[in-house]
Amino acid sequence: MDNTALVLGASGGFGGQAALALQAAGWRVNRYTRGTDMVAAAKGARLIVNGLNPPGYHDWDRLIPKITAQVIAAGRASGATILVPGNVYPYGMEPGPWGPDTPHRPVSRKGRIRATMEATYRHAAETGGPRCILLRGGDFLLPEAPQMLMNRMILAKVAKGKITAMGPADALHAYAYLPDMARAAVGLVALGDGLPAYADIPFAGHAFTINDLAARVARLTGKPMQVTHFPLWFFTLVSPFWELARELREMLYLNRFPHQMDPGPLQRWLPDYRDTPLDEVILAHLKALKLV
């Protein structure tokens, strides 16, 4: 079996960046066509990247378990390791920094769905099924992706000198720059059997407040930035007829609750790994917006 990877959701954020990082590391990448036979598509693959995620949180309670079962079946049939991008939802509001020993006590419906999903992967991996690497990050950052919260909401009015906060501007928040997260994922995959059958590894990435972001943007652009607050009552108003607003409202607690990921585990597994400096990440966003 050569270094062939099947990437699910290769047109999305994590899946797309994972495909690029794998190709840069010399992997042959096959991109899965949604709706086709996943077991057949995984034949000959050494790695399956599960970047599939129903857009806009649509029908998670039905689709996430269905996707999970399909991916595990494809992993069993091919013998491939499964790579899954995890999120922070299962942690609820547990004390941090968050890491593999943090209890899963979700406070949202989506958190419960993701916790069940992770437990399913863990059970499969620890009972003779496909090995699984779950690399867990905060809110995704990708400059050229308009669907990301950073681009859609927080930096939406930066051209007018405004940074939009979705909660207290001094609350620490975890972010994962996807090119870095994908690069770290490829490094973990290269460890092979050196990892446990189920490896739950936090990707610390960057943690910063909206106040810090505003100060950095002001310094990088040479223009003053004002922090404004999004009217959160808007989500309640439109929730009855806008699914995305309804789903986002459930997760607003993450903008109020200060949190960050534990960098220790990834440093132990990949001692030579380094994040892209935060100023460079922010500058890439500003360049995508044609502000610098």
Protein backbone atom coordinates (compact mmCIF):
# COMPACT_ATOMS: atom_id res chain seq x y z
CA MET A 1 0.00 0.00 0.00
CA ASP A 2 1.60 3.26 -1.10
CA ASN A 3 1.10 6.73 0.35
CA THR A 4 -2.36 7.25 -1.08
CA ALA A 5 -4.90 9.36 0.80
CA LEU A 6 -8.63 9.65 0.19
CA VAL A 7 -9.74 13.14 1.16
CA LEU A 8 -13.42 13.61 1.94
CA GLY A 9 -14.59 17.21 1.67
CA ALA A 10 -11.57 18.33 -0.33
CA SER A 11 -13.44 21.45 -1.47
CA GLY A 12 -13.89 22.56 2.14
CA GLY A 13 -11.62 24.25 4.64
CA PHE A 14 -9.78 21.49 6.47
CA GLY A 15 -10.17 18.94 3.68
CA GLY A 16 -8.77 21.32 1.09
CA GLN A 17 -5.79 22.29 3.22
CA ALA A 18 -5.12 18.67 4.19
CA ALA A 19 -5.06 17.72 0.50
CA LEU A 20 -2.50 20.44 -0.23
CA ALA A 21 -0.33 19.51 2.76
CA LEU A 22 -0.40 15.81 1.86
CA GLN A 23 0.57 16.55 -1.74
CA ALA A 24 3.43 18.75 -0.53
CA ALA A 25 4.64 15.81 1.57
CA GLY A 26 4.65 13.48 -1.44
CA TRP A 27 1.30 11.76 -0.97
CA ARG A 28 -0.99 10.77 -3.81
CA VAL A 29 -4.33 12.41 -3.05
CA ASN A 30 -7.67 11.13 -4.30
CA ARG A 31 -10.62 13.45 -3.77
CA TYR A 32 -13.86 11.77 -2.78
CA THR A 33 -16.97 12.56 -4.80
CA ARG A 34 -19.85 13.10 -2.40
CA GLY A 35 -22.61 10.52 -2.76
CA THR A 36 -20.46 7.77 -4.29
CA ASP A 37 -19.42 4.45 -2.73
CA MET A 38 -16.93 5.43 -0.02
CA VAL A 39 -15.70 1.88 0.57
CA ALA A 40 -14.86 1.52 -3.12
CA ALA A 41 -13.24 4.97 -3.20
CA ALA A 42 -11.00 4.06 -0.23
CA LYS A 43 -9.63 0.92 -1.84
CA GLY A 44 -5.83 1.08 -1.76
CA ALA A 45 -5.77 4.14 0.52
CA ARG A 46 -3.45 4.29 3.51
CA LEU A 47 -5.22 7.34 4.94
CA ILE A 48 -8.79 8.66 4.94
CA VAL A 49 -9.21 12.35 5.79
CA ASN A 50 -12.74 13.02 6.96
CA GLY A 51 -13.25 16.65 6.02
CA LEU A 52 -16.97 16.14 5.38
CA ASN A 53 -19.22 18.47 7.34
CA PRO A 54 -22.85 19.30 6.53
CA PRO A 55 -22.83 23.00 5.53
CA GLY A 56 -24.44 25.47 7.90
CA TYR A 57 -24.83 22.77 10.60
CA HIS A 58 -27.70 21.32 8.55
CA ASP A 59 -29.29 18.14 9.96
CA TRP A 60 -26.28 17.29 12.12
CA ASP A 61 -28.11 14.80 14.34
CA ARG A 62 -28.83 12.58 11.33
CA LEU A 63 -25.91 13.27 8.98
CA ILE A 64 -22.95 13.19 11.40
CA PRO A 65 -23.66 9.60 12.57
CA LYS A 66 -24.27 8.53 8.95
CA ILE A 67 -20.94 10.00 7.78
CA THR A 68 -19.13 8.49 10.78
CA ALA A 69 -20.45 5.00 10.01
CA GLN A 70 -19.48 5.33 6.35
CA VAL A 71 -15.95 6.49 7.18
CA ILE A 72 -15.37 3.69 9.70
CA ALA A 73 -16.66 1.13 7.19
CA ALA A 74 -14.28 2.50 4.55
CA GLY A 75 -11.43 2.37 7.07
CA ARG A 76 -12.19 -1.22 8.00
CA ALA A 77 -12.35 -2.32 4.37
CA SER A 78 -9.15 -0.55 3.29
CA GLY A 79 -7.08 -0.78 6.47
CA ALA A 80 -6.56 2.98 6.26
CA THR A 81 -5.96 5.26 9.23
CA ILE A 82 -8.69 7.86 9.69
CA LEU A 83 -7.82 11.52 10.25
CA VAL A 84 -10.60 13.65 11.73
CA PRO A 85 -10.54 17.39 12.47
CA GLY A 86 -12.09 17.73 15.92
CA ASN A 87 -13.57 20.83 17.53
CA VAL A 88 -14.02 22.15 21.05
CA TYR A 89 -17.77 21.57 21.36
CA PRO A 90 -17.56 18.42 23.55
CA TYR A 91 -15.74 20.32 26.31
CA GLY A 92 -18.64 22.58 27.15
CA MET A 93 -17.38 25.00 29.78
CA GLU A 94 -14.83 22.81 31.52
CA PRO A 95 -11.74 24.50 33.01
CA GLY A 96 -8.85 24.80 30.56
CA PRO A 97 -6.47 24.71 28.88
CA TRP A 98 -8.38 21.99 27.04
CA GLY A 99 -6.63 18.75 26.17
CA PRO A 100 -7.08 14.98 25.87
CA ASP A 101 -7.71 14.60 29.61
CA THR A 102 -10.45 17.26 29.71
CA PRO A 103 -13.83 15.60 30.41
CA HIS A 104 -16.44 15.73 27.67
CA ARG A 105 -19.36 17.62 29.22
CA PRO A 106 -21.04 19.37 26.29
CA VAL A 107 -23.55 22.12 26.99
CA SER A 108 -25.05 22.20 23.49
CA ARG A 109 -26.85 19.80 21.19
CA LYS A 110 -24.05 19.99 18.64
CA GLY A 111 -21.54 19.32 21.40
CA ARG A 112 -23.40 16.12 22.30
CA ILE A 113 -23.48 15.05 18.64
CA ARG A 114 -19.74 15.58 18.28
CA ALA A 115 -18.97 13.84 21.59
CA THR A 116 -20.93 10.80 20.42
CA MET A 117 -19.14 10.90 17.08
CA GLU A 118 -15.75 10.91 18.79
CA ALA A 119 -16.75 8.07 21.10
CA THR A 120 -17.72 6.04 18.04
CA TYR A 121 -14.32 6.56 16.41
CA ARG A 122 -12.57 5.74 19.70
CA HIS A 123 -14.53 2.52 20.20
CA ALA A 124 -13.80 1.39 16.65
CA ALA A 125 -10.08 2.14 16.95
CA GLU A 126 -9.71 0.46 20.34
CA THR A 127 -11.60 -2.70 19.35
CA GLY A 128 -9.61 -3.70 16.28
CA GLY A 129 -11.11 -1.27 13.82
CA PRO A 130 -9.36 1.49 11.87
CA ARG A 131 -6.79 3.60 13.71
CA CYS A 132 -7.90 7.19 14.20
CA ILE A 133 -6.14 10.53 14.69
CA LEU A 134 -8.43 13.26 15.99
CA LEU A 135 -6.67 16.60 15.74
CA ARG A 136 -8.75 19.12 17.64
CA GLY A 137 -8.70 22.84 16.89
CA GLY A 138 -10.57 26.01 17.79
CA ASP A 139 -12.39 28.23 15.28
CA PHE A 140 -10.90 27.73 11.84
CA LEU A 141 -8.96 30.53 10.15
CA LEU A 142 -8.52 30.62 6.37
CA PRO A 143 -8.12 34.02 4.70
CA GLU A 144 -9.64 33.10 1.34
CA ALA A 145 -12.70 31.32 2.80
CA PRO A 146 -15.65 33.72 3.22
CA GLN A 147 -17.65 31.18 5.23
CA MET A 148 -15.25 31.29 8.18
CA LEU A 149 -16.52 33.23 11.20
CA MET A 150 -13.44 35.44 11.18
CA ASN A 151 -14.17 36.58 7.64
CA ARG A 152 -17.96 36.52 7.74
CA MET A 153 -18.45 38.37 11.01
CA ILE A 154 -15.36 39.57 12.89
CA LEU A 155 -13.51 41.23 9.99
CA ALA A 156 -16.61 42.01 7.92
CA LYS A 157 -16.32 45.77 8.57
CA VAL A 158 -12.56 46.07 8.98
CA ALA A 159 -12.35 48.27 5.85
CA LYS A 160 -14.45 50.79 7.81
CA GLY A 161 -12.11 50.61 10.78
CA LYS A 162 -14.32 48.26 12.81
CA ILE A 163 -13.64 44.85 14.38
CA THR A 164 -16.82 43.03 15.39
CA ALA A 165 -16.96 41.14 18.69
CA MET A 166 -19.46 38.30 19.15
CA GLY A 167 -19.07 38.45 22.92
CA PRO A 168 -16.86 40.20 25.51
CA ALA A 169 -13.92 41.77 23.68
CA ASP A 170 -11.50 40.62 26.38
CA ALA A 171 -12.50 36.92 26.30
CA LEU A 172 -9.69 34.61 25.16
CA HIS A 173 -10.69 32.46 22.18
CA ALA A 174 -8.95 29.54 20.45
CA TYR A 175 -8.30 29.62 16.70
CA ALA A 176 -6.74 27.16 14.27
CA TYR A 177 -5.02 28.47 11.14
CA LEU A 178 -5.89 25.70 8.72
CA PRO A 179 -2.64 25.58 6.71
CA ASP A 180 -0.81 25.04 10.03
CA MET A 181 -3.33 22.51 11.32
CA ALA A 182 -3.10 20.53 8.07
CA ARG A 183 0.70 20.60 8.22
CA ALA A 184 0.61 19.31 11.81
CA ALA A 185 -1.84 16.59 10.78
CA VAL A 186 0.52 15.32 8.08
CA GLY A 187 3.33 15.24 10.63
CA LEU A 188 1.20 13.14 12.98
CA VAL A 189 0.20 10.76 10.19
CA ALA A 190 3.91 10.20 9.48
CA LEU A 191 4.33 8.83 13.02
CA GLY A 192 2.25 5.78 12.04
CA ASP A 193 2.06 3.12 14.73
CA GLY A 194 4.04 5.38 17.05
CA LEU A 195 0.70 6.96 17.95
CA PRO A 196 -1.95 5.15 20.00
CA ALA A 197 -4.75 3.44 18.07
CA TYR A 198 -6.96 6.41 18.96
CA ALA A 199 -4.96 9.63 19.27
CA ASP A 200 -6.88 12.65 20.61
CA ILE A 201 -4.46 15.54 20.13
CA PRO A 202 -5.24 19.24 20.68
CA PHE A 203 -4.01 21.72 18.11
CA ALA A 204 -3.37 24.83 20.19
CA GLY A 205 -2.88 27.17 17.23
CA HIS A 206 -3.42 30.73 18.43
CA ALA A 207 -5.54 32.13 21.24
CA PHE A 208 -6.34 35.83 21.37
CA THR A 209 -9.02 38.32 22.35
CA ILE A 210 -10.90 40.65 20.03
CA ASN A 211 -9.14 43.56 21.74
CA ASP A 212 -5.80 41.98 20.87
CA LEU A 213 -6.92 41.39 17.29
CA ALA A 214 -8.00 45.04 16.93
CA ALA A 215 -4.65 46.25 18.26
CA ARG A 216 -2.73 44.02 15.86
CA VAL A 217 -4.84 45.04 12.85
CA ALA A 218 -4.33 48.71 13.74
CA ARG A 219 -0.58 48.20 13.93
CA LEU A 220 -0.41 46.23 10.69
CA THR A 221 -2.57 48.67 8.71
CA GLY A 222 -1.52 51.90 10.37
CA LYS A 223 -5.21 52.75 10.85
CA PRO A 224 -7.17 53.01 14.11
CA MET A 225 -9.64 50.20 14.79
CA GLN A 226 -12.83 50.40 16.82
CA VAL A 227 -14.27 47.32 18.52
CA THR A 228 -18.02 47.06 17.99
CA HIS A 229 -20.41 44.40 19.28
CA PHE A 230 -22.72 42.38 17.08
CA PRO A 231 -26.36 42.63 18.25
CA LEU A 232 -26.79 39.07 19.47
CA TRP A 233 -30.57 39.50 19.77
CA PHE A 234 -30.54 39.31 15.96
CA PHE A 235 -29.92 35.55 16.13
CA THR A 236 -33.04 35.10 18.28
CA LEU A 237 -35.10 37.28 15.97
CA VAL A 238 -34.29 35.40 12.77
CA SER A 239 -33.85 31.89 14.20
CA PRO A 240 -37.41 30.73 13.45
CA PHE A 241 -36.83 31.04 9.71
CA TRP A 242 -33.01 30.97 9.26
CA GLU A 243 -31.38 27.65 10.15
CA LEU A 244 -27.80 28.95 10.30
CA ALA A 245 -28.73 31.71 12.77
CA ARG A 246 -30.54 29.18 14.93
CA GLU A 247 -27.53 26.88 14.95
CA LEU A 248 -25.01 29.66 15.57
CA ARG A 249 -27.04 30.99 18.51
CA GLU A 250 -26.51 27.71 20.34
CA MET A 251 -22.73 28.14 20.12
CA LEU A 252 -22.49 31.80 21.18
CA TYR A 253 -21.34 30.70 24.64
CA LEU A 254 -17.90 30.01 23.13
CA ASN A 255 -17.51 33.74 22.50
CA ARG A 256 -18.25 34.49 26.15
CA PHE A 257 -16.36 31.66 27.82
CA PRO A 258 -12.56 32.23 27.81
CA HIS A 259 -10.78 29.16 26.46
CA GLN A 260 -7.60 27.88 24.84
CA MET A 261 -6.07 24.54 23.87
CA ASP A 262 -3.19 22.79 25.61
CA PRO A 263 -0.08 22.99 23.34
CA GLY A 264 1.80 20.32 25.28
CA PRO A 265 0.66 17.10 23.56
CA LEU A 266 1.40 18.31 20.03
CA GLN A 267 4.81 19.61 21.14
CA ARG A 268 5.62 16.19 22.56
CA TRP A 269 4.59 14.35 19.39
CA LEU A 270 6.04 16.90 16.95
CA PRO A 271 8.85 18.74 18.76
CA ASP A 272 10.01 20.49 15.57
CA TYR A 273 6.57 21.81 14.61
CA ARG A 274 6.13 25.60 14.66
CA ASP A 275 3.00 27.70 14.09
CA THR A 276 2.91 30.52 11.57
CA PRO A 277 3.33 33.72 13.65
CA LEU A 278 0.00 35.35 14.46
CA ASP A 279 0.93 38.64 12.77
CA GLU A 280 1.52 36.72 9.52
CA VAL A 281 -1.85 34.99 9.86
CA ILE A 282 -3.65 38.30 10.38
CA LEU A 283 -1.70 39.92 7.56
CA ALA A 284 -2.83 37.12 5.22
CA HIS A 285 -6.45 37.93 6.11
CA LEU A 286 -5.89 41.62 5.46
CA LYS A 287 -4.26 40.85 2.10
CA ALA A 288 -7.24 38.68 1.13
CA LEU A 289 -9.45 41.69 1.89
CA LYS A 290 -7.07 43.91 -0.17
CA LEU A 291 -6.43 46.15 2.83
CA VAL A 292 -2.62 45.90 2.69
